[in-house]
Protein backbone atom coordinates (compact mmCIF):
# COMPACT_ATOMS: atom_id res chain seq x y z
CA MET A 1 -12.68 -33.79 16.05
CA SER A 2 -8.84 -33.65 15.55
CA THR A 3 -6.37 -33.73 18.49
CA HIS A 4 -5.24 -30.11 17.58
CA PHE A 5 -8.77 -28.90 17.89
CA ARG A 6 -9.43 -30.83 21.18
CA MET A 7 -6.12 -29.34 22.65
CA LEU A 8 -7.16 -25.70 21.67
CA SER A 9 -10.55 -26.08 23.30
CA LEU A 10 -8.83 -26.93 26.66
CA VAL A 11 -7.06 -23.39 26.64
CA MET A 12 -9.92 -21.48 25.05
CA PRO A 13 -12.09 -19.02 27.32
CA THR A 14 -15.84 -19.28 27.17
CA CYS A 15 -17.62 -16.68 25.00
CA GLU A 16 -18.79 -14.88 28.17
CA GLU A 17 -15.18 -14.47 29.39
CA VAL A 18 -13.96 -13.24 26.07
CA MET A 19 -16.93 -10.53 25.89
CA ASN A 20 -16.28 -9.36 29.33
CA GLU A 21 -12.70 -8.46 28.46
CA SER A 22 -11.84 -5.04 27.31
CA SER A 23 -9.22 -4.59 24.66
CA ALA A 24 -6.88 -3.23 27.33
CA GLU A 25 -7.06 -6.61 29.14
CA LYS A 26 -6.21 -8.54 26.00
CA THR A 27 -2.37 -8.04 26.13
CA SER A 28 -1.22 -11.52 25.49
CA CYS A 29 -1.94 -14.34 23.10
CA ARG A 30 -4.46 -16.97 24.46
CA ILE A 31 -2.47 -19.75 22.72
CA CYS A 32 1.42 -18.89 23.11
CA ARG A 33 1.05 -16.11 25.58
CA SER A 34 3.27 -13.73 23.53
CA GLU A 35 2.91 -10.12 24.41
CA GLU A 36 3.20 -9.14 20.69
CA VAL A 37 -0.55 -8.92 20.03
CA TYR A 38 -1.75 -6.34 17.55
CA VAL A 39 -5.34 -5.01 17.14
CA ARG A 40 -7.12 -3.23 14.45
CA SER A 41 -10.83 -2.61 13.46
CA THR A 42 -12.02 -3.28 9.96
CA ASP A 43 -15.19 -3.52 8.19
CA ALA A 44 -16.63 -7.07 7.49
CA THR A 45 -18.13 -6.68 4.06
CA GLY A 46 -15.75 -8.50 2.02
CA HIS A 47 -14.12 -5.93 -0.08
CA TRP A 48 -11.12 -8.28 -0.93
CA GLY A 49 -12.48 -11.52 0.66
CA PRO A 50 -15.74 -13.09 1.76
CA ASN A 51 -18.44 -11.15 3.60
CA LEU A 52 -17.90 -12.28 7.13
CA LEU A 53 -21.09 -10.89 8.76
CA PRO A 54 -23.69 -10.98 5.86
CA GLY A 55 -26.99 -9.35 6.72
CA LEU A 56 -25.72 -7.87 9.97
CA GLY A 57 -25.00 -4.20 8.66
CA SER A 58 -27.48 -1.46 7.85
CA ASN A 59 -29.28 -2.26 4.48
CA LEU A 60 -31.70 -0.51 2.26
CA MET A 61 -34.29 -3.20 1.41
CA GLY A 62 -31.78 -5.95 2.32
CA LEU A 63 -29.72 -5.20 -0.76
CA LEU A 64 -27.48 -2.05 -0.69
CA SER A 65 -25.04 -1.11 2.02
CA LEU A 66 -25.50 2.44 3.37
CA GLY A 67 -21.98 3.56 3.29
CA ILE A 68 -19.29 2.84 5.66
CA ALA A 69 -21.44 3.65 8.67
CA GLY A 70 -23.76 0.95 7.90
CA ARG A 71 -21.06 -1.95 7.39
CA PRO A 72 -20.61 -4.19 10.28
CA GLN A 73 -17.35 -3.85 11.97
CA LEU A 74 -14.74 -6.42 13.14
CA GLU A 75 -12.03 -5.87 15.85
CA VAL A 76 -9.21 -8.10 14.69
CA HIS A 77 -6.43 -9.21 16.90
CA VAL A 78 -3.35 -11.14 15.51
CA CYS A 79 -0.40 -12.60 17.43
CA ALA A 80 2.97 -11.84 15.97
CA GLY A 81 4.35 -14.81 18.02
CA CYS A 82 2.43 -17.71 16.64
CA GLY A 83 -0.06 -16.23 14.15
CA TYR A 84 -3.31 -16.91 15.93
CA ILE A 85 -6.06 -14.50 14.94
CA GLU A 86 -9.37 -13.53 16.68
CA PHE A 87 -12.34 -11.76 15.27
CA PHE A 88 -14.88 -9.93 17.27
CA ALA A 89 -18.15 -8.48 15.72
CA ASP A 90 -19.31 -5.05 16.87
CA ALA A 91 -22.25 -4.71 19.14
CA LYS A 92 -24.65 -3.66 16.44
CA ALA A 93 -23.92 -6.74 14.32
CA ARG A 94 -24.09 -8.92 17.40
CA HIS A 95 -27.51 -7.64 18.37
CA LYS A 96 -28.92 -8.33 14.75
CA ALA A 97 -27.78 -11.88 14.49
CA ALA A 98 -30.88 -13.13 16.30
CA ASP A 99 -33.23 -11.71 13.74
CA ALA A 100 -31.06 -11.54 10.70
CA PHE A 101 -31.81 -13.95 7.62
CA GLY A 102 -29.48 -16.98 7.44
CA TRP A 103 -28.31 -16.75 11.06
CA LYS A 104 -29.32 -19.48 13.34
CA ARG A 105 -28.71 -20.07 17.25
CA LEU A 106 -26.44 -22.97 18.05
CA GLY A 107 -28.06 -25.58 20.25
């Protein structure tokens, strides 16, 4: 593991801490503490890039997405100070991960 990643792991919160915070509580960057953190929701289906949450949306026979309502959503936070980015999957996508094809639990 590189020194950079070891250093980041010292300041990163646990998954439980992150999931228990509301967007309103996330007002500063976890890395540089800048107050210039911006948030946006977007779908994760890969229109212009990779599908970041494959198999976690609503699918017809596992092949076709059922419109925007069926696409898994991401809440994206970006720090204007240092460029740090966080992605958070929506609740529906998180709950499907345990049973979805290709997703395996760590550990």
